[in-house]
Amino acid sequence: MTAKLPAPVVLENGVVRLEPLTLDHVPDLFAASGADEEVWRWLPAPAPRSEEELGKLALGLMTDDKHVPFAVVLKESGRAVGWTTYGDVPGFDASIEIGWTWYGRQVWRTAVNTSCKILLIDHAFAFGYNRVLLKTDHLNLRSQNAIKRIGGVHEGTLRRHRKRPDGTWRDTVCFGILEEEWPQHRARLDR
């Protein structure tokens, strides 16, 4: 590990509350994504077919020392609608990754993703990181556009980076946000 990952904390704004992921979130999470192939299409695991399968994925993240997972809870309803994680970035000093993120379709194209990224990026820079990395599948144009919209700068593409759950190879598009770039993007997003 190149840097100490932040301890699990609660982060919140007017739209979402990010809280440490627990198995208690699984029923809400399964209701939000339930075996939805489109939600899970670009993720490193196949769509879970049951709460038990989703619980195993959640437990894997919760016990992995390379991730700090958060449940994404809508402030309005109090229900978990997705999860996101901080991840270790081997080989880079003072960098942290935001990834393994998904949201149920009911919150796509809402303020949820931007609200989550603002909280996570603010916290990462306050914690002492100087760079935030965001990655996605080269075929996931929706995610690439969302990352660019929050200020991610394309840093390159890792060809045949890892296999998808279906066995095909994924090229991974990498974006970064530097600490000194963030205030300008943050101000724009606040407007």
C-alpha atoms as a PDB file:
ATOM      1  CA  MET A   1       0.000   0.000   0.000  1.00  0.00           C
ATOM      2  CA  THR A   2       1.486   3.355  -0.997  1.00  0.00           C
ATOM      3  CA  ALA A   3      -0.456   5.471   1.461  1.00  0.00           C
ATOM      4  CA  LYS A   4      -2.699   4.954   4.428  1.00  0.00           C
ATOM      5  CA  LEU A   5      -6.328   4.718   3.373  1.00  0.00           C
ATOM      6  CA  PRO A   6      -8.739   6.942   5.298  1.00  0.00           C
ATOM      7  CA  ALA A   7     -10.674   5.338   8.127  1.00  0.00           C
ATOM      8  CA  PRO A   8     -14.351   4.712   7.417  1.00  0.00           C
ATOM      9  CA  VAL A   9     -16.331   7.865   8.217  1.00  0.00           C
ATOM     10  CA  VAL A  10     -19.748   9.326   7.496  1.00  0.00           C
ATOM     11  CA  LEU A  11     -19.763  12.061   4.834  1.00  0.00           C
ATOM     12  CA  GLU A  12     -22.935  13.929   3.958  1.00  0.00           C
ATOM     13  CA  ASN A  13     -24.470  16.847   2.147  1.00  0.00           C
ATOM     14  CA  GLY A  14     -28.034  17.806   1.267  1.00  0.00           C
ATOM     15  CA  VAL A  15     -28.448  14.948  -1.233  1.00  0.00           C
ATOM     16  CA  VAL A  16     -26.598  11.879   0.097  1.00  0.00           C
ATOM     17  CA  ARG A  17     -25.009  10.384   3.155  1.00  0.00           C
ATOM     18  CA  LEU A  18     -22.007   8.134   2.580  1.00  0.00           C
ATOM     19  CA  GLU A  19     -21.672   5.748   5.472  1.00  0.00           C
ATOM     20  CA  PRO A  20     -19.430   2.740   6.021  1.00  0.00           C
ATOM     21  CA  LEU A  21     -20.908  -0.197   4.101  1.00  0.00           C
ATOM     22  CA  THR A  22     -22.424  -2.916   6.300  1.00  0.00           C
ATOM     23  CA  LEU A  23     -24.485  -6.014   5.645  1.00  0.00           C
ATOM     24  CA  ASP A  24     -27.491  -4.090   7.000  1.00  0.00           C
ATOM     25  CA  HIS A  25     -27.449  -2.093   3.737  1.00  0.00           C
ATOM     26  CA  VAL A  26     -27.830  -5.193   1.553  1.00  0.00           C
ATOM     27  CA  PRO A  27     -31.671  -5.368   1.425  1.00  0.00           C
ATOM     28  CA  ASP A  28     -31.917  -1.747   0.249  1.00  0.00           C
ATOM     29  CA  LEU A  29     -29.022  -2.237  -2.168  1.00  0.00           C
ATOM     30  CA  PHE A  30     -30.561  -5.335  -3.689  1.00  0.00           C
ATOM     31  CA  ALA A  31     -33.892  -3.512  -4.045  1.00  0.00           C
ATOM     32  CA  ALA A  32     -32.041  -0.689  -5.840  1.00  0.00           C
ATOM     33  CA  SER A  33     -30.126  -2.905  -8.258  1.00  0.00           C
ATOM     34  CA  GLY A  34     -31.710  -6.299  -7.972  1.00  0.00           C
ATOM     35  CA  ALA A  35     -30.063  -8.477 -10.735  1.00  0.00           C
ATOM     36  CA  ASP A  36     -30.162  -5.453 -13.058  1.00  0.00           C
ATOM     37  CA  GLU A  37     -27.697  -6.349 -15.795  1.00  0.00           C
ATOM     38  CA  GLU A  38     -27.390  -2.749 -16.973  1.00  0.00           C
ATOM     39  CA  VAL A  39     -26.393  -1.505 -13.500  1.00  0.00           C
ATOM     40  CA  TRP A  40     -23.725  -4.227 -13.206  1.00  0.00           C
ATOM     41  CA  ARG A  41     -22.634  -4.225 -16.851  1.00  0.00           C
ATOM     42  CA  TRP A  42     -19.260  -2.518 -16.303  1.00  0.00           C
ATOM     43  CA  LEU A  43     -18.494  -3.758 -12.800  1.00  0.00           C
ATOM     44  CA  PRO A  44     -15.917  -6.400 -11.861  1.00  0.00           C
ATOM     45  CA  ALA A  45     -18.600  -8.900 -10.807  1.00  0.00           C
ATOM     46  CA  PRO A  46     -21.706 -10.282 -12.490  1.00  0.00           C
ATOM     47  CA  ALA A  47     -25.106  -8.932 -11.428  1.00  0.00           C
ATOM     48  CA  PRO A  48     -26.043 -10.568  -8.123  1.00  0.00           C
ATOM     49  CA  ARG A  49     -29.160 -12.724  -8.346  1.00  0.00           C
ATOM     50  CA  SER A  50     -30.030 -12.613  -4.650  1.00  0.00           C
ATOM     51  CA  GLU A  51     -29.442 -10.620  -1.477  1.00  0.00           C
ATOM     52  CA  GLU A  52     -27.081 -13.406  -0.422  1.00  0.00           C
ATOM     53  CA  GLU A  53     -24.914 -12.951  -3.542  1.00  0.00           C
ATOM     54  CA  LEU A  54     -24.877  -9.179  -3.065  1.00  0.00           C
ATOM     55  CA  GLY A  55     -24.001  -9.678   0.598  1.00  0.00           C
ATOM     56  CA  LYS A  56     -20.981 -11.778  -0.377  1.00  0.00           C
ATOM     57  CA  LEU A  57     -19.754  -9.005  -2.692  1.00  0.00           C
ATOM     58  CA  ALA A  58     -20.285  -6.406   0.043  1.00  0.00           C
ATOM     59  CA  LEU A  59     -18.489  -8.549   2.616  1.00  0.00           C
ATOM     60  CA  GLY A  60     -15.577  -8.986   0.231  1.00  0.00           C
ATOM     61  CA  LEU A  61     -15.182  -5.209  -0.008  1.00  0.00           C
ATOM     62  CA  MET A  62     -15.671  -4.702   3.723  1.00  0.00           C
ATOM     63  CA  THR A  63     -12.887  -7.167   4.587  1.00  0.00           C
ATOM     64  CA  ASP A  64     -10.476  -6.118   1.817  1.00  0.00           C
ATOM     65  CA  ASP A  65      -7.647  -3.935   3.138  1.00  0.00           C
ATOM     66  CA  LYS A  66      -7.301  -2.226  -0.259  1.00  0.00           C
ATOM     67  CA  HIS A  67     -10.773  -0.614  -0.196  1.00  0.00           C
ATOM     68  CA  VAL A  68     -12.849   1.597   2.071  1.00  0.00           C
ATOM     69  CA  PRO A  69     -16.463   0.978   0.954  1.00  0.00           C
ATOM     70  CA  PHE A  70     -19.381   3.329   1.521  1.00  0.00           C
ATOM     71  CA  ALA A  71     -23.111   2.804   1.158  1.00  0.00           C
ATOM     72  CA  VAL A  72     -24.732   5.656  -0.766  1.00  0.00           C
ATOM     73  CA  VAL A  73     -27.846   6.609   1.192  1.00  0.00           C
ATOM     74  CA  LEU A  74     -30.393   9.086  -0.154  1.00  0.00           C
ATOM     75  CA  LYS A  75     -31.031  11.762   2.455  1.00  0.00           C
ATOM     76  CA  GLU A  76     -34.643  12.122   1.296  1.00  0.00           C
ATOM     77  CA  SER A  77     -35.607   8.465   1.832  1.00  0.00           C
ATOM     78  CA  GLY A  78     -32.896   7.089   4.125  1.00  0.00           C
ATOM     79  CA  ARG A  79     -32.460   4.144   1.744  1.00  0.00           C
ATOM     80  CA  ALA A  80     -29.185   2.866   0.300  1.00  0.00           C
ATOM     81  CA  VAL A  81     -29.177   3.143  -3.511  1.00  0.00           C
ATOM     82  CA  GLY A  82     -25.606   2.108  -4.349  1.00  0.00           C
ATOM     83  CA  TRP A  83     -22.060   1.903  -3.103  1.00  0.00           C
ATOM     84  CA  THR A  84     -18.690   3.468  -3.833  1.00  0.00           C
ATOM     85  CA  THR A  85     -15.185   2.935  -2.503  1.00  0.00           C
ATOM     86  CA  TYR A  86     -11.851   4.522  -1.891  1.00  0.00           C
ATOM     87  CA  GLY A  87      -9.094   2.274  -3.194  1.00  0.00           C
ATOM     88  CA  ASP A  88      -5.366   1.996  -2.814  1.00  0.00           C
ATOM     89  CA  VAL A  89      -3.253   3.048  -5.821  1.00  0.00           C
ATOM     90  CA  PRO A  90      -0.052   0.976  -5.796  1.00  0.00           C
ATOM     91  CA  GLY A  91       2.974   2.717  -7.283  1.00  0.00           C
ATOM     92  CA  PHE A  92       1.709   6.285  -6.814  1.00  0.00           C
ATOM     93  CA  ASP A  93       2.595   8.454  -3.839  1.00  0.00           C
ATOM     94  CA  ALA A  94      -0.261  10.356  -2.171  1.00  0.00           C
ATOM     95  CA  SER A  95      -2.901   9.089  -4.646  1.00  0.00           C
ATOM     96  CA  ILE A  96      -6.239   7.492  -3.934  1.00  0.00           C
ATOM     97  CA  GLU A  97      -8.790   5.926  -6.269  1.00  0.00           C
ATOM     98  CA  ILE A  98     -12.542   6.370  -6.216  1.00  0.00           C
ATOM     99  CA  GLY A  99     -14.149   3.373  -7.822  1.00  0.00           C
ATOM    100  CA  TRP A 100     -16.176   0.154  -7.618  1.00  0.00           C
ATOM    101  CA  THR A 101     -19.120   2.564  -7.797  1.00  0.00           C
ATOM    102  CA  TRP A 102     -22.656   1.729  -8.798  1.00  0.00           C
ATOM    103  CA  TYR A 103     -26.094   3.275  -8.294  1.00  0.00           C
ATOM    104  CA  GLY A 104     -29.569   1.908  -8.902  1.00  0.00           C
ATOM    105  CA  ARG A 105     -31.170   3.193 -12.088  1.00  0.00           C
ATOM    106  CA  GLN A 106     -33.690   5.307 -10.178  1.00  0.00           C
ATOM    107  CA  VAL A 107     -30.898   7.784  -9.330  1.00  0.00           C
ATOM    108  CA  TRP A 108     -29.132   7.833 -12.693  1.00  0.00           C
ATOM    109  CA  ARG A 109     -28.982  11.345 -14.168  1.00  0.00           C
ATOM    110  CA  THR A 110     -29.710  12.943 -10.784  1.00  0.00           C
ATOM    111  CA  ALA A 111     -27.477  14.860  -8.381  1.00  0.00           C
ATOM    112  CA  VAL A 112     -26.418  11.648  -6.597  1.00  0.00           C
ATOM    113  CA  ASN A 113     -23.183  10.895  -8.483  1.00  0.00           C
ATOM    114  CA  THR A 114     -21.924  14.484  -8.411  1.00  0.00           C
ATOM    115  CA  SER A 115     -22.835  14.795  -4.722  1.00  0.00           C
ATOM    116  CA  CYS A 116     -20.933  11.610  -3.895  1.00  0.00           C
ATOM    117  CA  LYS A 117     -17.853  12.623  -5.871  1.00  0.00           C
ATOM    118  CA  ILE A 118     -17.747  16.069  -4.239  1.00  0.00           C
ATOM    119  CA  LEU A 119     -17.839  14.489  -0.776  1.00  0.00           C
ATOM    120  CA  LEU A 120     -15.202  11.885  -1.604  1.00  0.00           C
ATOM    121  CA  ILE A 121     -12.834  14.227  -3.423  1.00  0.00           C
ATOM    122  CA  ASP A 122     -13.103  16.925  -0.732  1.00  0.00           C
ATOM    123  CA  HIS A 123     -12.373  14.331   1.951  1.00  0.00           C
ATOM    124  CA  ALA A 124      -9.446  12.829   0.018  1.00  0.00           C
ATOM    125  CA  PHE A 125      -7.710  16.175  -0.368  1.00  0.00           C
ATOM    126  CA  ALA A 126      -8.457  17.143   3.253  1.00  0.00           C
ATOM    127  CA  PHE A 127      -6.935  13.803   4.298  1.00  0.00           C
ATOM    128  CA  GLY A 128      -3.689  14.718   2.523  1.00  0.00           C
ATOM    129  CA  TYR A 129      -3.858  13.062  -0.872  1.00  0.00           C
ATOM    130  CA  ASN A 130      -2.716  15.166  -3.828  1.00  0.00           C
ATOM    131  CA  ARG A 131      -4.319  13.138  -6.619  1.00  0.00           C
ATOM    132  CA  VAL A 132      -7.596  11.284  -7.125  1.00  0.00           C
ATOM    133  CA  LEU A 133      -7.748   8.528  -9.741  1.00  0.00           C
ATOM    134  CA  LEU A 134     -10.980   7.420 -11.420  1.00  0.00           C
ATOM    135  CA  LYS A 135     -11.057   4.501 -13.885  1.00  0.00           C
ATOM    136  CA  THR A 136     -13.672   2.947 -16.108  1.00  0.00           C
ATOM    137  CA  ASP A 137     -14.116   0.480 -18.931  1.00  0.00           C
ATOM    138  CA  HIS A 138     -13.252   1.987 -22.316  1.00  0.00           C
ATOM    139  CA  LEU A 139     -16.722   1.004 -23.551  1.00  0.00           C
ATOM    140  CA  ASN A 140     -18.518   2.757 -20.664  1.00  0.00           C
ATOM    141  CA  LEU A 141     -19.039   6.144 -22.284  1.00  0.00           C
ATOM    142  CA  ARG A 142     -21.662   7.234 -19.727  1.00  0.00           C
ATOM    143  CA  SER A 143     -19.117   6.864 -16.914  1.00  0.00           C
ATOM    144  CA  GLN A 144     -16.346   8.544 -18.911  1.00  0.00           C
ATOM    145  CA  ASN A 145     -18.583  11.549 -19.573  1.00  0.00           C
ATOM    146  CA  ALA A 146     -19.550  11.775 -15.892  1.00  0.00           C
ATOM    147  CA  ILE A 147     -15.887  11.683 -14.837  1.00  0.00           C
ATOM    148  CA  LYS A 148     -14.972  14.403 -17.329  1.00  0.00           C
ATOM    149  CA  ARG A 149     -17.896  16.515 -16.134  1.00  0.00           C
ATOM    150  CA  ILE A 150     -16.588  16.568 -12.551  1.00  0.00           C
ATOM    151  CA  GLY A 151     -13.103  17.552 -13.754  1.00  0.00           C
ATOM    152  CA  GLY A 152     -11.318  14.283 -14.482  1.00  0.00           C
ATOM    153  CA  VAL A 153      -8.443  14.658 -16.942  1.00  0.00           C
ATOM    154  CA  HIS A 154      -7.783  11.705 -19.254  1.00  0.00           C
ATOM    155  CA  GLU A 155      -4.373  10.287 -18.302  1.00  0.00           C
ATOM    156  CA  GLY A 156      -4.273   7.246 -20.542  1.00  0.00           C
ATOM    157  CA  THR A 157      -5.703   3.836 -21.291  1.00  0.00           C
ATOM    158  CA  LEU A 158      -4.407   0.564 -19.888  1.00  0.00           C
ATOM    159  CA  ARG A 159      -4.893  -1.955 -22.667  1.00  0.00           C
ATOM    160  CA  ARG A 160      -6.102  -5.420 -21.673  1.00  0.00           C
ATOM    161  CA  HIS A 161      -6.003  -4.272 -18.074  1.00  0.00           C
ATOM    162  CA  ARG A 162      -8.262  -6.972 -16.654  1.00  0.00           C
ATOM    163  CA  LYS A 163     -10.873  -9.501 -17.603  1.00  0.00           C
ATOM    164  CA  ARG A 164     -14.538  -8.719 -17.348  1.00  0.00           C
ATOM    165  CA  PRO A 165     -16.836 -11.209 -15.594  1.00  0.00           C
ATOM    166  CA  ASP A 166     -17.786 -12.603 -19.033  1.00  0.00           C
ATOM    167  CA  GLY A 167     -14.118 -13.403 -19.790  1.00  0.00           C
ATOM    168  CA  THR A 168     -13.519 -10.667 -22.379  1.00  0.00           C
ATOM    169  CA  TRP A 169     -10.676  -8.206 -21.902  1.00  0.00           C
ATOM    170  CA  ARG A 170     -11.322  -4.714 -20.605  1.00  0.00           C
ATOM    171  CA  ASP A 171      -9.226  -1.719 -21.581  1.00  0.00           C
ATOM    172  CA  THR A 172      -9.282   0.699 -18.636  1.00  0.00           C
ATOM    173  CA  VAL A 173      -9.511   4.445 -19.185  1.00  0.00           C
ATOM    174  CA  CYS A 174      -7.771   6.410 -16.412  1.00  0.00           C
ATOM    175  CA  PHE A 175      -8.636   9.936 -15.293  1.00  0.00           C
ATOM    176  CA  GLY A 176      -7.030  12.057 -12.599  1.00  0.00           C
ATOM    177  CA  ILE A 177      -7.879  15.141 -10.596  1.00  0.00           C
ATOM    178  CA  LEU A 178      -5.015  16.985  -8.894  1.00  0.00           C
ATOM    179  CA  GLU A 179      -5.442  18.839  -5.625  1.00  0.00           C
ATOM    180  CA  GLU A 180      -4.661  22.226  -7.201  1.00  0.00           C
ATOM    181  CA  GLU A 181      -7.224  21.618  -9.986  1.00  0.00           C
ATOM    182  CA  TRP A 182     -10.066  20.696  -7.660  1.00  0.00           C
ATOM    183  CA  PRO A 183     -11.094  24.134  -6.296  1.00  0.00           C
ATOM    184  CA  GLN A 184     -11.944  25.381  -9.806  1.00  0.00           C
ATOM    185  CA  HIS A 185     -13.958  22.246 -10.597  1.00  0.00           C
ATOM    186  CA  ARG A 186     -15.589  22.288  -7.161  1.00  0.00           C
ATOM    187  CA  ALA A 187     -16.732  25.887  -7.645  1.00  0.00           C
ATOM    188  CA  ARG A 188     -18.135  25.060 -11.084  1.00  0.00           C
ATOM    189  CA  LEU A 189     -20.039  22.043  -9.720  1.00  0.00           C
ATOM    190  CA  ASP A 190     -21.429  24.112  -6.836  1.00  0.00           C
ATOM    191  CA  ARG A 191     -22.896  26.573  -9.345  1.00  0.00           C
END
